[in-house]
Amino acid sequence: MAKRSTLSQGINTIGHFTRNNLERMGSLIDSANAKAGKPRQYKAVNLGDEDFQQDLFREQTLKTTQQLLGSRFATYGKYAKKVVPNSLFKSVLDSSFVQVAKLAASWSQLDLPNEHRFADITALDDEERYALATDIANQNRALATLGGLTGLAGLPGLLADTLWLLLVSLRSVYQLAAVYDQPLTGKQGIKMAYELLASADLSKMQEKQALLAGIGVGKGLLDNAQSRGLHSELQNLGLKNQNVNFYAEQIDNIAGQVGFDLDQVDLTWLRRLLPVSAVAVGMHYNSRLIDEVLGVAQATFAPEPKLANRFITDDSSSEEQVKQMASDEDSNEESKSEESDSDSIQEESDTSTKNDNNDNKADDKTVDAKNKADTK
């Protein structure tokens, strides 16, 4: 029993240390993103709506698998369609994404009870909930960004990075929902979680996938060129892909005109540079994509509109900009009310002036009538 207690304490200590460092890292990433871009106001999602678009994670997962398998993917798909109905294929795909959501939900429930503030979540006010949500957002921001390290693995890392980002995004949604006392549970909770992801702006994911796929293809080409020679590899690449055949021939012609032997090029430094570039690209885009998910989730689950629209950041300058936006809105409303008050006062003044004039006219008529009577 004592050994189990000691082991449990050791695990909790390691977990606490890890969470604190993830929060610090996420805060630094958030500050860097805030300085590089303008603060945004995210729109809340009406969860439970039956009509919503499909999230980009499914599309990008299929595209990444196709890029990884190459021509084999098309061959497998061709024969699979003859044996497996399209409805069954979609059912299997949906089931796979449901399992990822269940894993994310389990992960969020495993981690949240270790937060000392989460033990008495019902007693927290809005600002305290926001502080807890910010810490959790920073943890997930750091986790998503670290997923960019899979770029070291080339094209296989591209698929792993997509699934990791999906897992962390779902974990963020489940955790923020729980923090604001709106937990997502069961099949309906899974549907709502994916509905929120579909409402976030994840268009940068396509750009990221294209860049990483290009870097992966380039790394594969350089690896083969290191053993076969760059000249032979360019020829093989041109034969396999007619779209790049023209460019391969142009490179070959230019090298021949200047008397440069492509097979003698040392590609070692370039082969080392590409994986580092893939890591940098993956980490940059992941931090931006997770910001979109966190912002929409915060806007959806936070109880107060002002808290929902606040930009999740520890950067003081960005928060001042958001506060300034809010104060400008308040001042506009106040000025409008003052204008309406002044208009009403002016109307009352005009009305009273008209009444006084009417009274004066009535008095003048009375005096004239008396004078005429006296004269008679």
Protein backbone atom coordinates (compact mmCIF):
# COMPACT_ATOMS: atom_id res chain seq x y z
CA MET A 1 0.00 0.00 0.00
CA ALA A 2 2.86 2.33 0.88
CA LYS A 3 4.59 1.53 -2.42
CA ARG A 4 1.40 2.27 -4.36
CA SER A 5 0.98 5.58 -2.50
CA THR A 6 4.58 6.53 -3.23
CA LEU A 7 4.16 5.64 -6.91
CA SER A 8 0.94 7.65 -7.10
CA GLN A 9 2.61 10.67 -5.52
CA GLY A 10 5.51 10.37 -7.94
CA ILE A 11 3.18 10.23 -10.95
CA ASN A 12 1.20 13.24 -9.68
CA THR A 13 4.42 15.20 -9.14
CA ILE A 14 5.62 14.45 -12.66
CA GLY A 15 2.18 15.33 -14.05
CA HIS A 16 2.10 18.61 -12.14
CA PHE A 17 5.61 19.50 -13.34
CA THR A 18 4.69 18.66 -16.94
CA ARG A 19 1.47 20.68 -16.86
CA ASN A 20 3.22 23.73 -15.43
CA ASN A 21 5.88 23.65 -18.13
CA LEU A 22 3.29 23.14 -20.86
CA GLU A 23 1.37 26.15 -19.54
CA ARG A 24 4.53 28.29 -19.62
CA MET A 25 5.38 27.13 -23.12
CA GLY A 26 1.81 27.69 -24.33
CA SER A 27 1.79 31.18 -22.80
CA LEU A 28 4.99 32.08 -24.66
CA ILE A 29 3.58 30.74 -27.94
CA ASP A 30 0.36 32.67 -27.37
CA SER A 31 2.27 35.89 -26.72
CA ALA A 32 4.31 35.40 -29.89
CA ASN A 33 1.15 34.75 -31.95
CA ALA A 34 -0.56 37.78 -30.41
CA LYS A 35 2.32 40.07 -31.36
CA ALA A 36 2.43 38.66 -34.90
CA GLY A 37 -1.29 39.08 -35.56
CA LYS A 38 -4.31 41.16 -34.56
CA PRO A 39 -6.65 40.08 -31.73
CA ARG A 40 -9.79 38.34 -32.95
CA GLN A 41 -13.32 38.02 -31.71
CA TYR A 42 -14.60 34.48 -32.21
CA LYS A 43 -18.23 33.61 -32.82
CA ALA A 44 -20.08 31.11 -30.66
CA VAL A 45 -21.38 27.91 -32.26
CA ASN A 46 -25.01 26.87 -31.93
CA LEU A 47 -24.31 23.27 -30.94
CA GLY A 48 -26.95 20.72 -31.81
CA ASP A 49 -27.62 22.14 -35.26
CA GLU A 50 -28.31 19.29 -37.68
CA ASP A 51 -27.04 21.16 -40.72
CA PHE A 52 -23.28 21.73 -40.47
CA GLN A 53 -20.34 21.23 -42.81
CA GLN A 54 -17.85 18.40 -42.50
CA ASP A 55 -14.68 19.16 -40.58
CA LEU A 56 -11.43 19.39 -42.54
CA PHE A 57 -9.69 16.73 -40.47
CA ARG A 58 -11.46 13.94 -42.36
CA GLU A 59 -10.59 15.36 -45.75
CA GLN A 60 -6.97 16.03 -44.82
CA THR A 61 -6.55 12.58 -43.25
CA LEU A 62 -7.62 10.93 -46.51
CA LYS A 63 -5.39 13.22 -48.57
CA THR A 64 -2.42 12.55 -46.31
CA THR A 65 -2.97 8.80 -46.56
CA GLN A 66 -3.13 9.11 -50.34
CA GLN A 67 0.14 11.07 -50.41
CA LEU A 68 1.78 8.54 -48.11
CA LEU A 69 0.74 5.48 -50.11
CA GLY A 70 1.05 7.15 -53.51
CA SER A 71 -0.17 5.07 -56.43
CA ARG A 72 -0.88 2.15 -54.10
CA PHE A 73 -3.71 4.16 -52.50
CA ALA A 74 -5.50 4.49 -55.85
CA THR A 75 -4.98 0.78 -56.54
CA TYR A 76 -6.34 -0.24 -53.14
CA GLY A 77 -9.28 2.12 -53.55
CA LYS A 78 -10.07 0.74 -57.00
CA TYR A 79 -10.31 -2.84 -55.78
CA ALA A 80 -11.93 -1.90 -52.46
CA LYS A 81 -14.86 -0.23 -54.21
CA LYS A 82 -15.57 -3.47 -56.08
CA VAL A 83 -15.75 -5.46 -52.85
CA VAL A 84 -16.78 -2.97 -50.15
CA PRO A 85 -19.88 -0.75 -50.61
CA ASN A 86 -19.27 3.00 -50.34
CA SER A 87 -21.72 3.24 -47.42
CA LEU A 88 -19.72 0.65 -45.48
CA PHE A 89 -16.49 2.53 -46.17
CA LYS A 90 -18.01 5.75 -44.78
CA SER A 91 -19.31 3.86 -41.78
CA VAL A 92 -15.83 2.51 -41.02
CA LEU A 93 -14.35 5.98 -41.45
CA ASP A 94 -16.95 7.52 -39.12
CA SER A 95 -16.29 4.80 -36.58
CA SER A 96 -12.57 5.60 -36.66
CA PHE A 97 -13.18 9.27 -35.91
CA VAL A 98 -15.60 8.35 -33.13
CA GLN A 99 -12.85 6.29 -31.50
CA VAL A 100 -10.47 9.25 -31.71
CA ALA A 101 -13.11 11.42 -29.97
CA LYS A 102 -13.58 8.81 -27.23
CA LEU A 103 -9.82 8.70 -26.70
CA ALA A 104 -9.72 12.50 -26.43
CA ALA A 105 -12.61 12.46 -23.94
CA SER A 106 -10.87 9.86 -21.78
CA TRP A 107 -7.64 11.86 -21.91
CA SER A 108 -9.41 15.04 -20.81
CA GLN A 109 -11.14 13.27 -17.90
CA LEU A 110 -7.84 11.72 -16.83
CA ASP A 111 -6.07 15.06 -16.70
CA LEU A 112 -8.68 17.49 -15.35
CA PRO A 113 -9.13 16.01 -11.84
CA ASN A 114 -5.43 16.67 -11.23
CA GLU A 115 -6.10 20.40 -11.47
CA HIS A 116 -6.54 21.56 -7.88
CA ARG A 117 -8.93 24.32 -8.95
CA PHE A 118 -11.14 21.86 -10.82
CA ALA A 119 -12.05 19.98 -7.63
CA ASP A 120 -14.52 22.73 -6.66
CA ILE A 121 -15.49 23.94 -10.13
CA THR A 122 -19.03 24.91 -9.07
CA ALA A 123 -17.65 27.50 -6.62
CA LEU A 124 -15.60 29.37 -9.26
CA ASP A 125 -16.81 32.71 -10.56
CA ASP A 126 -16.51 33.73 -14.22
CA GLU A 127 -13.05 35.26 -13.91
CA GLU A 128 -11.69 32.21 -12.08
CA ARG A 129 -13.16 29.91 -14.72
CA TYR A 130 -11.56 32.05 -17.39
CA ALA A 131 -8.17 31.81 -15.65
CA LEU A 132 -8.48 28.02 -15.47
CA ALA A 133 -9.61 27.86 -19.10
CA THR A 134 -6.59 29.97 -20.11
CA ASP A 135 -4.19 27.56 -18.37
CA ILE A 136 -5.83 24.58 -20.05
CA ALA A 137 -5.75 26.37 -23.40
CA ASN A 138 -2.02 27.01 -22.98
CA GLN A 139 -1.43 23.33 -22.18
CA ASN A 140 -3.18 22.23 -25.35
CA ARG A 141 -1.55 24.98 -27.40
CA ALA A 142 1.86 23.65 -26.37
CA LEU A 143 0.86 20.03 -27.04
CA ALA A 144 -0.44 20.87 -30.53
CA THR A 145 2.68 22.87 -31.37
CA LEU A 146 4.96 20.04 -30.27
CA GLY A 147 3.18 17.84 -32.80
CA GLY A 148 5.22 19.64 -35.45
CA LEU A 149 8.22 17.55 -34.39
CA THR A 150 6.72 14.68 -36.40
CA GLY A 151 8.04 16.52 -39.47
CA LEU A 152 11.34 14.77 -38.81
CA ALA A 153 9.69 11.54 -40.01
CA GLY A 154 8.83 12.87 -43.49
CA LEU A 155 5.54 11.82 -45.09
CA PRO A 156 4.65 9.27 -42.36
CA GLY A 157 5.05 12.10 -39.86
CA LEU A 158 2.52 14.14 -41.84
CA LEU A 159 -0.23 11.62 -41.11
CA ALA A 160 0.82 11.34 -37.48
CA ASP A 161 0.78 15.13 -37.14
CA THR A 162 -2.77 15.36 -38.55
CA LEU A 163 -4.11 12.75 -36.15
CA TRP A 164 -2.24 14.30 -33.20
CA LEU A 165 -3.67 17.75 -33.95
CA LEU A 166 -7.17 16.23 -34.17
CA LEU A 167 -6.71 14.48 -30.82
CA VAL A 168 -5.46 17.63 -29.05
CA SER A 169 -8.21 19.76 -30.61
CA LEU A 170 -10.91 17.39 -29.36
CA ARG A 171 -9.26 17.26 -25.95
CA SER A 172 -9.38 21.06 -25.81
CA VAL A 173 -13.09 21.11 -26.66
CA TYR A 174 -13.94 18.51 -24.01
CA GLN A 175 -11.89 20.24 -21.34
CA LEU A 176 -13.21 23.76 -21.95
CA ALA A 177 -16.77 22.43 -21.99
CA ALA A 178 -16.15 20.80 -18.60
CA VAL A 179 -14.55 23.95 -17.15
CA TYR A 180 -17.65 25.98 -18.02
CA ASP A 181 -19.88 23.24 -16.56
CA GLN A 182 -21.27 22.17 -19.95
CA PRO A 183 -19.69 18.69 -20.30
CA LEU A 184 -20.00 16.85 -23.60
CA THR A 185 -21.00 13.23 -23.06
CA GLY A 186 -22.05 10.25 -25.12
CA LYS A 187 -22.74 10.18 -28.85
CA GLN A 188 -24.34 13.61 -28.79
CA GLY A 189 -21.22 15.02 -27.15
CA ILE A 190 -19.02 13.54 -29.90
CA LYS A 191 -21.29 15.04 -32.54
CA MET A 192 -21.13 18.46 -30.87
CA ALA A 193 -17.34 18.29 -30.54
CA TYR A 194 -16.93 17.65 -34.27
CA GLU A 195 -19.55 20.29 -35.02
CA LEU A 196 -17.43 22.84 -33.17
CA LEU A 197 -14.31 21.78 -35.11
CA ALA A 198 -16.25 22.18 -38.35
CA SER A 199 -17.16 25.74 -37.37
CA ALA A 200 -13.55 26.77 -36.65
CA ASP A 201 -11.53 28.33 -39.45
CA LEU A 202 -9.09 25.51 -40.28
CA SER A 203 -8.40 26.59 -43.86
CA LYS A 204 -4.69 26.99 -43.05
CA MET A 205 -4.55 23.22 -42.65
CA GLN A 206 -4.66 22.74 -46.41
CA GLU A 207 -1.79 25.17 -46.86
CA LYS A 208 0.22 23.40 -44.19
CA GLN A 209 -0.41 19.95 -45.68
CA ALA A 210 0.70 21.14 -49.13
CA LEU A 211 3.96 22.58 -47.78
CA LEU A 212 4.78 19.52 -45.66
CA ALA A 213 3.92 17.15 -48.51
CA GLY A 214 6.25 19.07 -50.82
CA ILE A 215 9.05 18.97 -48.26
CA GLY A 216 8.46 15.23 -47.77
CA VAL A 217 8.64 14.53 -51.49
CA GLY A 218 11.79 16.63 -51.75
CA LYS A 219 13.42 14.73 -48.90
CA GLY A 220 12.60 11.41 -50.55
CA LEU A 221 14.09 12.64 -53.82
CA LEU A 222 17.30 13.75 -52.10
CA ASP A 223 17.61 10.47 -50.20
CA ASN A 224 17.40 8.53 -53.47
CA ALA A 225 19.71 10.98 -55.24
CA GLN A 226 22.34 10.49 -52.56
CA SER A 227 22.69 6.84 -53.57
CA ARG A 228 21.75 6.89 -57.28
CA GLY A 229 22.84 10.38 -58.27
CA LEU A 230 20.76 13.51 -58.80
CA HIS A 231 20.79 13.20 -62.60
CA SER A 232 19.33 9.68 -62.57
CA GLU A 233 16.76 10.58 -59.91
CA LEU A 234 15.49 13.59 -61.88
CA GLN A 235 15.05 11.36 -64.93
CA ASN A 236 13.13 8.77 -62.91
CA LEU A 237 10.97 11.49 -61.39
CA GLY A 238 10.17 12.87 -64.82
CA LEU A 239 9.13 9.45 -66.07
CA LYS A 240 6.86 8.86 -63.08
CA ASN A 241 5.23 12.27 -63.14
CA GLN A 242 4.64 14.05 -66.44
CA ASN A 243 3.82 17.31 -64.64
CA VAL A 244 7.41 17.68 -63.41
CA ASN A 245 9.06 16.15 -66.48
CA PHE A 246 9.46 19.56 -68.16
CA TYR A 247 11.19 21.06 -65.12
CA ALA A 248 13.47 18.04 -64.71
CA GLU A 249 14.55 18.35 -68.33
CA GLN A 250 15.24 22.08 -67.93
CA ILE A 251 17.46 21.46 -64.91
CA ASP A 252 19.31 18.77 -66.83
CA ASN A 253 19.79 21.06 -69.87
CA ILE A 254 21.07 23.99 -67.80
CA ALA A 255 23.53 21.73 -65.97
CA GLY A 256 24.78 20.38 -69.33
CA GLN A 257 25.28 23.87 -70.80
CA VAL A 258 27.42 25.06 -67.90
CA GLY A 259 29.28 21.76 -67.69
CA PHE A 260 28.02 20.92 -64.22
CA ASP A 261 27.78 17.30 -63.12
CA LEU A 262 24.61 16.85 -61.10
CA ASP A 263 25.76 13.50 -59.75
CA GLN A 264 28.70 15.19 -58.01
CA VAL A 265 26.52 17.59 -55.99
CA ASP A 266 26.87 17.13 -52.23
CA LEU A 267 23.30 17.01 -50.92
CA THR A 268 24.15 16.31 -47.27
CA TRP A 269 23.46 19.85 -46.01
CA LEU A 270 20.20 20.08 -47.95
CA ARG A 271 19.00 16.72 -46.62
CA ARG A 272 19.58 17.99 -43.08
CA LEU A 273 17.87 21.31 -43.75
CA LEU A 274 14.58 19.89 -45.07
CA PRO A 275 13.54 18.01 -41.89
CA VAL A 276 14.27 21.11 -39.80
CA SER A 277 12.15 23.16 -42.21
CA ALA A 278 9.33 20.63 -41.91
CA VAL A 279 9.41 20.90 -38.11
CA ALA A 280 9.33 24.71 -38.24
CA VAL A 281 6.41 24.72 -40.70
CA GLY A 282 4.45 22.13 -38.70
CA MET A 283 4.91 23.91 -35.36
CA HIS A 284 3.97 27.29 -36.80
CA TYR A 285 0.77 26.11 -38.46
CA ASN A 286 -0.25 23.89 -35.53
CA SER A 287 -0.06 26.83 -33.12
CA ARG A 288 -2.29 28.87 -35.43
CA LEU A 289 -4.80 26.08 -36.00
CA ILE A 290 -5.19 25.24 -32.30
CA ASP A 291 -5.76 28.95 -31.61
CA GLU A 292 -8.80 28.80 -33.88
CA VAL A 293 -10.21 25.80 -32.03
CA LEU A 294 -9.55 27.33 -28.61
CA GLY A 295 -11.08 30.66 -29.58
CA VAL A 296 -14.30 29.13 -30.91
CA ALA A 297 -14.59 26.77 -27.93
CA GLN A 298 -14.08 29.65 -25.48
CA ALA A 299 -16.69 31.75 -27.27
CA THR A 300 -19.17 28.85 -27.29
CA PHE A 301 -18.91 27.71 -23.68
CA ALA A 302 -18.04 30.90 -21.76
CA PRO A 303 -21.18 32.26 -20.03
CA GLU A 304 -20.56 35.99 -20.49
CA PRO A 305 -20.27 37.57 -23.94
CA LYS A 306 -17.38 39.79 -22.85
CA LEU A 307 -15.45 36.78 -21.62
CA ALA A 308 -16.41 34.74 -24.66
CA ASN A 309 -15.09 37.35 -27.06
CA ARG A 310 -11.86 38.02 -25.21
CA PHE A 311 -8.74 36.95 -26.99
CA ILE A 312 -7.13 34.08 -25.07
CA THR A 313 -3.73 35.58 -24.43
CA ASP A 314 -1.37 36.54 -21.66
CA ASP A 315 0.06 39.36 -23.75
CA SER A 316 -0.92 42.63 -22.05
CA SER A 317 -0.77 44.77 -25.18
CA SER A 318 -3.24 42.48 -26.98
CA GLU A 319 -5.61 42.44 -24.02
CA GLU A 320 -5.46 46.24 -23.92
CA GLN A 321 -6.49 46.32 -27.59
CA VAL A 322 -9.45 44.05 -26.87
CA LYS A 323 -10.42 46.12 -23.83
CA GLN A 324 -10.14 49.26 -25.94
CA MET A 325 -12.51 47.70 -28.49
CA ALA A 326 -15.00 46.97 -25.72
CA SER A 327 -14.65 50.47 -24.22
CA ASP A 328 -15.17 52.04 -27.65
CA GLU A 329 -18.42 50.10 -27.99
CA ASP A 330 -19.53 51.26 -24.52
CA SER A 331 -18.61 54.88 -25.27
CA ASN A 332 -20.56 54.74 -28.53
CA GLU A 333 -23.61 53.48 -26.68
CA GLU A 334 -23.22 56.22 -24.04
CA SER A 335 -22.85 58.93 -26.68
CA LYS A 336 -25.98 57.65 -28.44
CA SER A 337 -27.92 57.74 -25.17
CA GLU A 338 -26.63 61.25 -24.43
CA GLU A 339 -27.69 62.39 -27.88
CA SER A 340 -31.15 60.93 -27.36
CA ASP A 341 -31.37 62.62 -23.94
CA SER A 342 -30.31 65.97 -25.37
CA ASP A 343 -32.84 65.60 -28.17
CA SER A 344 -35.61 64.90 -25.70
CA ILE A 345 -34.57 67.89 -23.56
CA GLN A 346 -34.52 70.10 -26.65
CA GLU A 347 -37.99 68.87 -27.61
CA GLU A 348 -39.29 69.65 -24.11
CA SER A 349 -37.69 73.10 -24.28
CA ASP A 350 -39.26 73.79 -27.67
CA THR A 351 -42.62 72.60 -26.40
CA SER A 352 -42.46 74.81 -23.32
CA THR A 353 -41.40 77.79 -25.46
CA LYS A 354 -44.37 77.23 -27.76
CA ASN A 355 -46.71 77.00 -24.77
CA ASP A 356 -45.31 80.26 -23.35
CA ASN A 357 -45.79 81.99 -26.67
CA ASN A 358 -49.35 80.73 -26.85
CA ASP A 359 -50.00 81.96 -23.32
CA ASN A 360 -48.54 85.39 -24.14
CA LYS A 361 -50.71 85.62 -27.24
CA ALA A 362 -53.79 84.70 -25.20
CA ASP A 363 -52.95 87.40 -22.60
CA ASP A 364 -52.49 90.00 -25.33
CA LYS A 365 -55.87 89.14 -26.78
CA THR A 366 -57.49 89.48 -23.35
CA VAL A 367 -55.92 92.93 -22.78
CA ASP A 368 -57.05 94.12 -26.20
CA ALA A 369 -60.56 92.96 -25.49
CA LYS A 370 -60.66 94.91 -22.19
CA ASN A 371 -59.32 98.07 -23.80
CA LYS A 372 -62.00 97.93 -26.47
CA ALA A 373 -64.69 97.49 -23.81
CA ASP A 374 -63.40 100.48 -21.81
CA THR A 375 -63.33 102.65 -24.90
CA LYS A 376 -66.94 101.91 -25.60
